[in-house]
Amino acid sequence: MGNAEGNAVGEGVAGGQSRAGSARPTALRRSVVLVGMMGAGKTAVGTALARHLAVPFLDADEELVRAAQMSIAEIFARDGEPFFRARETEVLGRLLSGPPAVLSTGGGAFLSEVNRHLIAERGVSVWLKADLDLLWQRVRHKTTRPLLRTANPRATLAELYAARVPLYALADIAVEAEPDLSVEAMAEKVKGALGRHGDLGEEGGA
């Protein structure tokens, strides 16, 4: 699958509210699945994008935590990563079986061929593409990332980045993150890329 690189959207009103007559409502044809590294902004951008598109926002990690009644770090510590990944696939399948929504996934979800197949079958994958320096600035002070609990978390992040980027590049759409781009502007950028990819239609249209 090739990437359709997202470009900045020049129009649109902050907060996702359109002026009367300036734009027709859009309908999401299938679920949008946001993929990418920890710190790429999947949850924040996904929440804003869902609001712009008037569809539900779903967070796969949050759903998994709710089902397990423990944090992701606790699941990793008690049951290990393979157990976590199996439960992650179950949650993805359930969430993708519902009506169109914006779905945020954990950083490792798209690495699984099974998950990529599920997403391709039922939705459109969007890679929020952020460079390593930007990711590090966003996650360096976080304590909720079990994979970064190492002696040198910056080096660990770099290793994860190098291993994962070739697989993220298999996403249907790639949208470049920028340090000075607001969450709302990034959401509009993703929306524009979805429109160009053919995943948005006018409400009530064929």
Protein backbone atom coordinates (compact mmCIF):
# COMPACT_ATOMS: atom_id res chain seq x y z
CA MET A 1 0.00 0.00 0.00
CA GLY A 2 1.37 3.41 -0.87
CA ASN A 3 1.35 6.51 1.28
CA ALA A 4 -0.68 9.60 0.45
CA GLU A 5 1.31 12.34 2.17
CA GLY A 6 -0.99 14.76 4.03
CA ASN A 7 -0.56 18.46 3.33
CA ALA A 8 -1.70 21.37 5.48
CA VAL A 9 -5.30 22.37 5.08
CA GLY A 10 -5.54 26.02 4.23
CA GLU A 11 -9.18 26.40 5.11
CA GLY A 12 -11.32 25.45 8.10
CA VAL A 13 -12.33 27.23 11.26
CA ALA A 14 -10.59 26.61 14.60
CA GLY A 15 -12.34 24.10 16.82
CA GLY A 16 -13.87 22.31 13.84
CA GLN A 17 -16.86 24.65 13.60
CA SER A 18 -17.68 25.75 10.05
CA ARG A 19 -19.34 29.04 9.20
CA ALA A 20 -22.85 28.77 7.80
CA GLY A 21 -22.68 27.91 4.13
CA SER A 22 -18.88 27.64 4.07
CA ALA A 23 -18.75 23.84 3.91
CA ARG A 24 -21.05 20.88 3.71
CA PRO A 25 -21.01 18.27 6.48
CA THR A 26 -18.82 15.28 5.73
CA ALA A 27 -19.58 11.61 6.36
CA LEU A 28 -16.85 9.16 7.28
CA ARG A 29 -17.02 6.13 5.00
CA ARG A 30 -15.07 3.78 7.31
CA SER A 31 -13.17 3.94 10.57
CA VAL A 32 -9.95 5.95 10.69
CA VAL A 33 -7.19 4.14 12.59
CA LEU A 34 -4.35 6.37 13.78
CA VAL A 35 -0.99 4.62 14.03
CA GLY A 36 2.50 5.77 14.94
CA MET A 37 5.05 6.05 17.70
CA MET A 38 4.33 6.94 21.30
CA GLY A 39 4.25 10.73 21.44
CA ALA A 40 3.00 11.14 17.87
CA GLY A 41 -0.25 12.67 19.17
CA LYS A 42 -2.68 9.89 18.29
CA THR A 43 -5.00 10.48 21.24
CA ALA A 44 -5.02 14.28 21.12
CA VAL A 45 -5.30 14.53 17.34
CA GLY A 46 -7.79 11.68 17.22
CA THR A 47 -10.06 13.39 19.73
CA ALA A 48 -10.03 16.61 17.69
CA LEU A 49 -10.50 14.77 14.39
CA ALA A 50 -13.49 12.85 15.74
CA ARG A 51 -15.05 16.12 16.82
CA HIS A 52 -14.48 17.64 13.37
CA LEU A 53 -16.09 14.61 11.72
CA ALA A 54 -18.88 14.24 14.31
CA VAL A 55 -18.05 10.57 14.98
CA PRO A 56 -17.02 8.74 18.17
CA PHE A 57 -13.40 8.71 19.31
CA LEU A 58 -12.14 5.36 20.58
CA ASP A 59 -8.82 4.69 22.29
CA ALA A 60 -7.72 1.06 22.02
CA ASP A 61 -5.35 1.35 24.99
CA GLU A 62 -8.05 2.86 27.19
CA GLU A 63 -10.48 0.11 26.20
CA LEU A 64 -7.86 -2.51 27.06
CA VAL A 65 -7.12 -0.90 30.41
CA ARG A 66 -10.84 -0.76 31.21
CA ALA A 67 -11.30 -4.44 30.36
CA ALA A 68 -8.23 -5.54 32.36
CA GLN A 69 -8.89 -3.13 35.24
CA MET A 70 -5.17 -2.35 35.44
CA SER A 71 -2.78 0.01 33.70
CA ILE A 72 -0.76 -0.95 30.63
CA ALA A 73 2.42 -0.81 32.71
CA GLU A 74 0.83 -3.23 35.21
CA ILE A 75 -0.26 -5.58 32.40
CA PHE A 76 3.28 -5.59 31.00
CA ALA A 77 4.76 -6.24 34.46
CA ARG A 78 2.33 -8.99 35.46
CA ASP A 79 1.57 -10.78 32.18
CA GLY A 80 4.27 -9.70 29.71
CA GLU A 81 4.17 -8.08 26.29
CA PRO A 82 2.91 -11.15 24.31
CA PHE A 83 -0.18 -11.33 26.54
CA PHE A 84 -0.75 -7.60 26.12
CA ARG A 85 -0.44 -7.84 22.31
CA ALA A 86 -2.98 -10.68 22.15
CA ARG A 87 -5.50 -8.68 24.15
CA GLU A 88 -4.75 -5.63 21.97
CA THR A 89 -5.75 -7.58 18.85
CA GLU A 90 -9.00 -8.67 20.51
CA VAL A 91 -9.85 -5.08 21.41
CA LEU A 92 -9.01 -3.80 17.91
CA GLY A 93 -11.27 -6.39 16.31
CA ARG A 94 -14.15 -5.44 18.57
CA LEU A 95 -13.76 -1.69 18.05
CA LEU A 96 -13.44 -2.05 14.27
CA SER A 97 -16.65 -4.08 14.09
CA GLY A 98 -18.70 -1.03 15.08
CA PRO A 99 -19.85 1.99 13.06
CA PRO A 100 -17.27 4.40 11.58
CA ALA A 101 -15.18 6.12 14.24
CA VAL A 102 -11.73 7.56 14.84
CA LEU A 103 -9.60 4.98 16.60
CA SER A 104 -6.27 5.60 18.33
CA THR A 105 -3.94 2.61 18.71
CA GLY A 106 -0.91 1.92 20.85
CA GLY A 107 2.52 2.41 19.31
CA GLY A 108 3.09 -1.31 18.79
CA ALA A 109 -0.34 -2.26 17.45
CA PHE A 110 0.44 -1.74 13.75
CA LEU A 111 3.55 -3.94 13.95
CA SER A 112 1.36 -7.05 14.00
CA GLU A 113 0.47 -8.45 10.59
CA VAL A 114 -2.82 -9.68 12.04
CA ASN A 115 -3.66 -6.17 13.23
CA ARG A 116 -2.65 -4.61 9.91
CA HIS A 117 -4.96 -7.04 8.12
CA LEU A 118 -7.84 -6.23 10.49
CA ILE A 119 -7.34 -2.51 9.97
CA ALA A 120 -7.04 -2.80 6.17
CA GLU A 121 -10.20 -4.91 6.02
CA ARG A 122 -12.37 -2.60 8.11
CA GLY A 123 -10.81 0.86 8.07
CA VAL A 124 -8.17 3.24 6.75
CA SER A 125 -4.81 3.53 8.50
CA VAL A 126 -3.24 6.95 9.03
CA TRP A 127 0.37 7.24 10.19
CA LEU A 128 1.06 10.34 12.28
CA LYS A 129 4.66 10.73 11.18
CA ALA A 130 6.85 12.55 13.72
CA ASP A 131 10.64 12.65 13.77
CA LEU A 132 12.69 11.24 16.64
CA ASP A 133 13.59 14.60 18.24
CA LEU A 134 9.94 15.66 18.38
CA LEU A 135 8.89 12.33 19.86
CA TRP A 136 11.58 12.51 22.53
CA GLN A 137 10.55 16.03 23.54
CA ARG A 138 6.99 14.76 24.03
CA VAL A 139 7.70 11.56 25.96
CA ARG A 140 10.88 12.30 27.92
CA HIS A 141 9.06 13.30 31.11
CA LYS A 142 6.33 10.65 30.89
CA THR A 143 6.35 7.80 33.40
CA THR A 144 3.58 5.75 31.78
CA ARG A 145 5.64 4.22 28.92
CA PRO A 146 6.75 0.72 30.02
CA LEU A 147 8.99 0.20 26.99
CA LEU A 148 11.03 3.28 27.96
CA ARG A 149 11.79 2.12 31.49
CA THR A 150 15.42 1.44 30.62
CA ALA A 151 18.83 2.82 31.60
CA ASN A 152 18.89 4.96 28.44
CA PRO A 153 15.32 5.73 27.35
CA ARG A 154 16.45 8.06 24.53
CA ALA A 155 18.48 5.25 22.96
CA THR A 156 15.59 2.82 23.49
CA LEU A 157 13.22 5.20 21.75
CA ALA A 158 15.66 5.50 18.85
CA GLU A 159 15.84 1.70 18.54
CA LEU A 160 12.05 1.40 18.58
CA TYR A 161 11.78 4.18 16.00
CA ALA A 162 14.23 2.52 13.62
CA ALA A 163 12.47 -0.84 13.91
CA ARG A 164 8.93 0.48 13.58
CA VAL A 165 9.11 3.16 10.89
CA PRO A 166 9.29 0.66 7.97
CA LEU A 167 6.07 -0.93 9.20
CA TYR A 168 4.28 2.37 9.86
CA ALA A 169 5.16 3.23 6.25
CA LEU A 170 2.71 0.50 5.18
CA ALA A 171 -0.19 2.67 6.33
CA ASP A 172 -2.66 3.91 3.73
CA ILE A 173 -1.94 7.57 4.51
CA ALA A 174 0.98 9.38 6.14
CA VAL A 175 0.59 12.83 7.66
CA GLU A 176 3.69 14.71 8.79
CA ALA A 177 3.68 16.15 12.31
CA GLU A 178 5.40 19.49 12.90
CA PRO A 179 6.70 20.93 16.20
CA ASP A 180 4.72 24.18 15.93
CA LEU A 181 1.48 22.68 14.60
CA SER A 182 -1.43 22.81 17.04
CA VAL A 183 -3.61 19.76 17.73
CA GLU A 184 -6.50 21.40 15.86
CA ALA A 185 -4.32 22.21 12.85
CA MET A 186 -2.98 18.67 12.76
CA ALA A 187 -6.53 17.30 12.90
CA GLU A 188 -7.46 19.48 9.93
CA LYS A 189 -4.36 18.24 8.11
CA VAL A 190 -5.45 14.64 8.65
CA LYS A 191 -8.99 15.45 7.57
CA GLY A 192 -7.68 16.96 4.35
CA ALA A 193 -5.59 13.85 3.66
CA LEU A 194 -8.62 11.63 4.25
CA GLY A 195 -10.65 13.68 1.80
CA ARG A 196 -8.00 13.37 -0.89
CA HIS A 197 -7.81 9.63 -0.22
CA GLY A 198 -11.56 9.27 -0.84
CA ASP A 199 -12.62 8.40 2.71
CA LEU A 200 -14.92 11.37 3.26
CA GLY A 201 -18.22 12.02 1.53
CA GLU A 202 -20.98 14.57 1.89
CA GLU A 203 -23.63 13.64 4.40
CA GLY A 204 -26.61 12.14 2.70
CA GLY A 205 -24.56 11.48 -0.44
CA ALA A 206 -24.22 8.24 -2.31
